[in-house]
Amino acid sequence: MAKIEVRCFSFLKKVCDERHWEFPFYYELKDQCTALELAEKLDLPKEMIEAVFINGLASPVEDGVIKPGDRVAFIPPGTPGPYRALLGMVKLEEK
C-alpha cells in the first residue's frame, strides 16, 4: 500500500476545504483503480470532474488509471479557455 498525492481545483477545492483536507492531501491506495473509482472512494461529486491529471499528464476522467504512488489532480468542468490550453485539456477535446 502506498500513498497518492491528491489535488482538487476550483469548485472541487471548495469541497476539500469544507472537509478540512490539506492541499495537497494524501490517500492510502492499496491497488490500482480508475479515476472515477478514486472519486467515489473520496466521495467527490462525479458531475464536478471533467478531467484528471495523473503524474502531470491530462486524461479524460473516464480513462484515468491511478496506481499507488501517483500524483493526481481533479479538474472541474467550466475551466476557462486559456487554462484549458495550458493544462492540455484542449487536446482531450480533439479526441
N, C-alpha and C. Protein backbone atom coordinates (compact mmCIF):
# COMPACT_ATOMS: atom_id res chain seq x y z
N MET A 1 0.85 -1.17 0.00
CA MET A 1 0.00 0.00 0.00
C MET A 1 0.89 1.24 0.00
N ALA A 2 0.55 2.22 -0.83
CA ALA A 2 1.33 3.46 -0.90
C ALA A 2 0.37 4.64 -0.95
N LYS A 3 0.88 5.78 -0.59
CA LYS A 3 0.07 6.99 -0.64
C LYS A 3 0.10 7.58 -2.03
N ILE A 4 -1.02 8.19 -2.40
CA ILE A 4 -1.07 9.01 -3.59
C ILE A 4 -1.27 10.45 -3.14
N GLU A 5 -0.76 11.37 -3.93
CA GLU A 5 -0.94 12.80 -3.65
C GLU A 5 -2.14 13.26 -4.47
N VAL A 6 -3.10 13.91 -3.82
CA VAL A 6 -4.32 14.32 -4.50
C VAL A 6 -4.52 15.82 -4.36
N ARG A 7 -4.83 16.45 -5.48
CA ARG A 7 -5.18 17.87 -5.51
C ARG A 7 -6.51 18.03 -6.22
N CYS A 8 -7.28 18.99 -5.77
CA CYS A 8 -8.54 19.33 -6.42
C CYS A 8 -8.53 20.83 -6.67
N PHE A 9 -9.11 21.24 -7.78
CA PHE A 9 -9.08 22.64 -8.16
C PHE A 9 -10.47 23.23 -8.28
N SER A 10 -10.54 24.55 -8.17
CA SER A 10 -11.75 25.34 -8.37
C SER A 10 -12.87 24.86 -7.44
N PHE A 11 -14.03 24.49 -8.01
CA PHE A 11 -15.18 24.09 -7.21
C PHE A 11 -14.86 22.86 -6.37
N LEU A 12 -14.03 21.98 -6.90
CA LEU A 12 -13.66 20.78 -6.15
C LEU A 12 -12.79 21.12 -4.95
N LYS A 13 -11.96 22.14 -5.07
CA LYS A 13 -11.13 22.57 -3.93
C LYS A 13 -12.02 23.04 -2.79
N LYS A 14 -13.12 23.70 -3.12
CA LYS A 14 -14.05 24.15 -2.08
C LYS A 14 -14.62 22.96 -1.31
N VAL A 15 -14.91 21.88 -2.02
CA VAL A 15 -15.40 20.65 -1.37
C VAL A 15 -14.35 20.14 -0.38
N CYS A 16 -13.10 20.10 -0.82
CA CYS A 16 -12.00 19.63 0.04
C CYS A 16 -11.80 20.56 1.24
N ASP A 17 -11.89 21.85 1.00
CA ASP A 17 -11.75 22.82 2.09
C ASP A 17 -12.84 22.63 3.14
N GLU A 18 -14.06 22.38 2.69
CA GLU A 18 -15.17 22.14 3.62
C GLU A 18 -14.93 20.90 4.47
N ARG A 19 -14.18 19.96 3.94
CA ARG A 19 -13.86 18.73 4.67
C ARG A 19 -12.57 18.86 5.47
N HIS A 20 -11.96 20.04 5.42
CA HIS A 20 -10.71 20.34 6.14
C HIS A 20 -9.56 19.43 5.69
N TRP A 21 -9.54 19.12 4.39
CA TRP A 21 -8.44 18.34 3.83
C TRP A 21 -7.29 19.27 3.50
N GLU A 22 -6.09 18.81 3.69
CA GLU A 22 -4.89 19.57 3.34
C GLU A 22 -4.82 19.74 1.83
N PHE A 23 -3.96 20.65 1.39
CA PHE A 23 -3.74 20.83 -0.06
C PHE A 23 -2.25 20.79 -0.32
N PRO A 24 -1.77 19.76 -0.98
CA PRO A 24 -2.49 18.55 -1.38
C PRO A 24 -2.76 17.67 -0.17
N PHE A 25 -3.63 16.68 -0.37
CA PHE A 25 -3.82 15.69 0.69
C PHE A 25 -3.33 14.35 0.17
N TYR A 26 -3.12 13.44 1.09
CA TYR A 26 -2.56 12.13 0.74
C TYR A 26 -3.57 11.05 1.12
N TYR A 27 -3.66 10.06 0.24
CA TYR A 27 -4.63 8.99 0.41
C TYR A 27 -3.93 7.65 0.22
N GLU A 28 -4.17 6.74 1.13
CA GLU A 28 -3.58 5.40 1.04
C GLU A 28 -4.33 4.60 -0.03
N LEU A 29 -3.60 4.16 -1.02
CA LEU A 29 -4.19 3.39 -2.12
C LEU A 29 -3.53 2.02 -2.16
N LYS A 30 -4.32 0.99 -1.97
CA LYS A 30 -3.80 -0.37 -1.93
C LYS A 30 -3.51 -0.91 -3.33
N ASP A 31 -4.46 -0.72 -4.23
CA ASP A 31 -4.35 -1.28 -5.57
C ASP A 31 -4.67 -0.21 -6.61
N GLN A 32 -4.28 -0.47 -7.83
CA GLN A 32 -4.62 0.39 -8.96
C GLN A 32 -6.14 0.57 -9.02
N CYS A 33 -6.59 1.75 -9.43
CA CYS A 33 -8.02 1.99 -9.62
C CYS A 33 -8.20 3.04 -10.71
N THR A 34 -9.40 3.20 -11.17
CA THR A 34 -9.67 4.25 -12.15
C THR A 34 -9.86 5.58 -11.41
N ALA A 35 -9.79 6.66 -12.17
CA ALA A 35 -10.01 7.98 -11.57
C ALA A 35 -11.43 8.09 -11.03
N LEU A 36 -12.38 7.51 -11.73
CA LEU A 36 -13.77 7.54 -11.24
C LEU A 36 -13.93 6.73 -9.96
N GLU A 37 -13.22 5.61 -9.86
CA GLU A 37 -13.28 4.82 -8.62
C GLU A 37 -12.67 5.61 -7.47
N LEU A 38 -11.57 6.31 -7.73
CA LEU A 38 -10.96 7.13 -6.68
C LEU A 38 -11.91 8.24 -6.26
N ALA A 39 -12.54 8.90 -7.22
CA ALA A 39 -13.51 9.95 -6.90
C ALA A 39 -14.62 9.40 -6.01
N GLU A 40 -15.07 8.18 -6.31
CA GLU A 40 -16.10 7.55 -5.50
C GLU A 40 -15.59 7.26 -4.09
N LYS A 41 -14.37 6.74 -3.98
CA LYS A 41 -13.78 6.47 -2.66
C LYS A 41 -13.67 7.74 -1.82
N LEU A 42 -13.38 8.86 -2.50
CA LEU A 42 -13.22 10.15 -1.82
C LEU A 42 -14.54 10.89 -1.66
N ASP A 43 -15.61 10.30 -2.19
CA ASP A 43 -16.94 10.91 -2.17
C ASP A 43 -16.94 12.29 -2.82
N LEU A 44 -16.25 12.39 -3.96
CA LEU A 44 -16.25 13.62 -4.74
C LEU A 44 -17.37 13.53 -5.77
N PRO A 45 -18.12 14.60 -5.98
CA PRO A 45 -19.22 14.56 -6.95
C PRO A 45 -18.70 14.37 -8.37
N LYS A 46 -19.07 13.26 -8.99
CA LYS A 46 -18.57 12.93 -10.33
C LYS A 46 -18.94 13.98 -11.37
N GLU A 47 -20.10 14.61 -11.19
CA GLU A 47 -20.52 15.63 -12.15
C GLU A 47 -19.66 16.89 -12.07
N MET A 48 -18.83 16.98 -11.03
CA MET A 48 -17.94 18.13 -10.87
C MET A 48 -16.53 17.83 -11.36
N ILE A 49 -16.34 16.69 -12.05
CA ILE A 49 -15.00 16.32 -12.53
C ILE A 49 -15.05 16.13 -14.04
N GLU A 50 -14.22 16.90 -14.74
CA GLU A 50 -14.14 16.77 -16.20
C GLU A 50 -12.89 16.02 -16.64
N ALA A 51 -11.79 16.32 -15.98
CA ALA A 51 -10.51 15.72 -16.39
C ALA A 51 -9.70 15.39 -15.14
N VAL A 52 -8.67 14.60 -15.38
CA VAL A 52 -7.77 14.24 -14.29
C VAL A 52 -6.34 14.32 -14.82
N PHE A 53 -5.46 14.78 -13.97
CA PHE A 53 -4.04 14.75 -14.28
C PHE A 53 -3.43 13.66 -13.43
N ILE A 54 -2.70 12.78 -14.08
CA ILE A 54 -2.01 11.71 -13.36
C ILE A 54 -0.54 11.85 -13.69
N ASN A 55 0.23 12.16 -12.67
CA ASN A 55 1.67 12.41 -12.84
C ASN A 55 1.93 13.46 -13.93
N GLY A 56 1.08 14.48 -13.97
CA GLY A 56 1.27 15.61 -14.87
C GLY A 56 0.69 15.45 -16.26
N LEU A 57 0.09 14.31 -16.56
CA LEU A 57 -0.49 14.08 -17.89
C LEU A 57 -2.01 14.13 -17.83
N ALA A 58 -2.61 14.95 -18.69
CA ALA A 58 -4.06 15.10 -18.72
C ALA A 58 -4.72 13.88 -19.33
N SER A 59 -5.90 13.56 -18.80
CA SER A 59 -6.67 12.43 -19.29
C SER A 59 -8.15 12.72 -19.04
N PRO A 60 -9.04 12.27 -19.93
CA PRO A 60 -10.46 12.34 -19.58
C PRO A 60 -10.68 11.52 -18.30
N VAL A 61 -11.52 11.99 -17.44
CA VAL A 61 -11.69 11.31 -16.15
C VAL A 61 -12.09 9.85 -16.34
N GLU A 62 -12.81 9.54 -17.41
CA GLU A 62 -13.25 8.17 -17.66
C GLU A 62 -12.09 7.24 -18.00
N ASP A 63 -10.98 7.80 -18.49
CA ASP A 63 -9.86 6.99 -18.94
C ASP A 63 -8.71 6.89 -17.94
N GLY A 64 -8.74 7.70 -16.90
CA GLY A 64 -7.62 7.77 -15.97
C GLY A 64 -7.45 6.51 -15.13
N VAL A 65 -6.23 6.02 -15.05
CA VAL A 65 -5.89 4.86 -14.21
C VAL A 65 -4.82 5.32 -13.22
N ILE A 66 -5.08 5.08 -11.95
CA ILE A 66 -4.21 5.56 -10.88
C ILE A 66 -3.58 4.37 -10.17
N LYS A 67 -2.28 4.49 -9.94
CA LYS A 67 -1.53 3.44 -9.25
C LYS A 67 -0.98 4.00 -7.94
N PRO A 68 -0.75 3.14 -6.95
CA PRO A 68 -0.14 3.61 -5.72
C PRO A 68 1.15 4.38 -6.01
N GLY A 69 1.30 5.54 -5.36
CA GLY A 69 2.47 6.38 -5.55
C GLY A 69 2.27 7.50 -6.54
N ASP A 70 1.16 7.50 -7.29
CA ASP A 70 0.90 8.53 -8.30
C ASP A 70 0.55 9.87 -7.67
N ARG A 71 0.68 10.92 -8.49
CA ARG A 71 0.20 12.27 -8.15
C ARG A 71 -1.04 12.50 -9.01
N VAL A 72 -2.13 12.93 -8.39
CA VAL A 72 -3.41 13.05 -9.07
C VAL A 72 -4.01 14.44 -8.83
N ALA A 73 -4.61 15.01 -9.86
CA ALA A 73 -5.33 16.27 -9.72
C ALA A 73 -6.65 16.16 -10.47
N PHE A 74 -7.73 16.50 -9.79
CA PHE A 74 -9.05 16.51 -10.41
C PHE A 74 -9.38 17.93 -10.87
N ILE A 75 -9.87 18.04 -12.11
CA ILE A 75 -10.19 19.33 -12.71
C ILE A 75 -11.69 19.37 -13.01
N PRO A 76 -12.39 20.43 -12.58
CA PRO A 76 -13.83 20.50 -12.81
C PRO A 76 -14.17 21.01 -14.20
N PRO A 77 -15.43 20.80 -14.63
CA PRO A 77 -15.87 21.38 -15.89
C PRO A 77 -15.93 22.90 -15.76
N GLY A 78 -15.89 23.58 -16.89
CA GLY A 78 -16.00 25.03 -16.87
C GLY A 78 -14.68 25.74 -16.74
N THR A 79 -13.58 25.00 -16.84
CA THR A 79 -12.27 25.64 -16.81
C THR A 79 -12.17 26.55 -18.02
N PRO A 80 -11.82 27.84 -17.82
CA PRO A 80 -11.79 28.80 -18.94
C PRO A 80 -10.82 28.40 -20.05
N GLY A 81 -11.13 28.86 -21.27
CA GLY A 81 -10.40 28.53 -22.48
C GLY A 81 -8.89 28.57 -22.41
N PRO A 82 -8.27 29.70 -21.99
CA PRO A 82 -6.81 29.75 -21.97
C PRO A 82 -6.21 28.70 -21.03
N TYR A 83 -6.87 28.46 -19.92
CA TYR A 83 -6.37 27.46 -18.97
C TYR A 83 -6.50 26.06 -19.54
N ARG A 84 -7.55 25.83 -20.34
CA ARG A 84 -7.73 24.53 -20.96
C ARG A 84 -6.54 24.20 -21.85
N ALA A 85 -6.08 25.21 -22.59
CA ALA A 85 -4.93 25.01 -23.47
C ALA A 85 -3.66 24.79 -22.66
N LEU A 86 -3.45 25.61 -21.63
CA LEU A 86 -2.25 25.48 -20.81
C LEU A 86 -2.19 24.14 -20.08
N LEU A 87 -3.35 23.64 -19.67
CA LEU A 87 -3.40 22.39 -18.93
C LEU A 87 -3.41 21.15 -19.83
N GLY A 88 -3.52 21.36 -21.13
CA GLY A 88 -3.53 20.23 -22.05
C GLY A 88 -4.91 19.66 -22.29
N MET A 89 -5.95 20.35 -21.80
CA MET A 89 -7.30 19.85 -21.95
C MET A 89 -7.84 20.06 -23.36
N VAL A 90 -7.30 21.00 -24.11
CA VAL A 90 -7.74 21.22 -25.49
C VAL A 90 -7.48 19.97 -26.31
N LYS A 91 -6.34 19.34 -26.10
CA LYS A 91 -6.03 18.10 -26.82
C LYS A 91 -7.04 17.01 -26.49
N LEU A 92 -7.53 16.99 -25.24
CA LEU A 92 -8.53 16.00 -24.86
C LEU A 92 -9.81 16.18 -25.66
N GLU A 93 -10.21 17.43 -25.89
CA GLU A 93 -11.45 17.72 -26.60
C GLU A 93 -11.36 17.30 -28.06
N GLU A 94 -10.17 17.27 -28.62
CA GLU A 94 -10.00 16.94 -30.02
C GLU A 94 -10.15 15.45 -30.29
N LYS A 95 -10.09 14.62 -29.25
CA LYS A 95 -10.20 13.16 -29.43
C LYS A 95 -11.57 12.77 -29.92
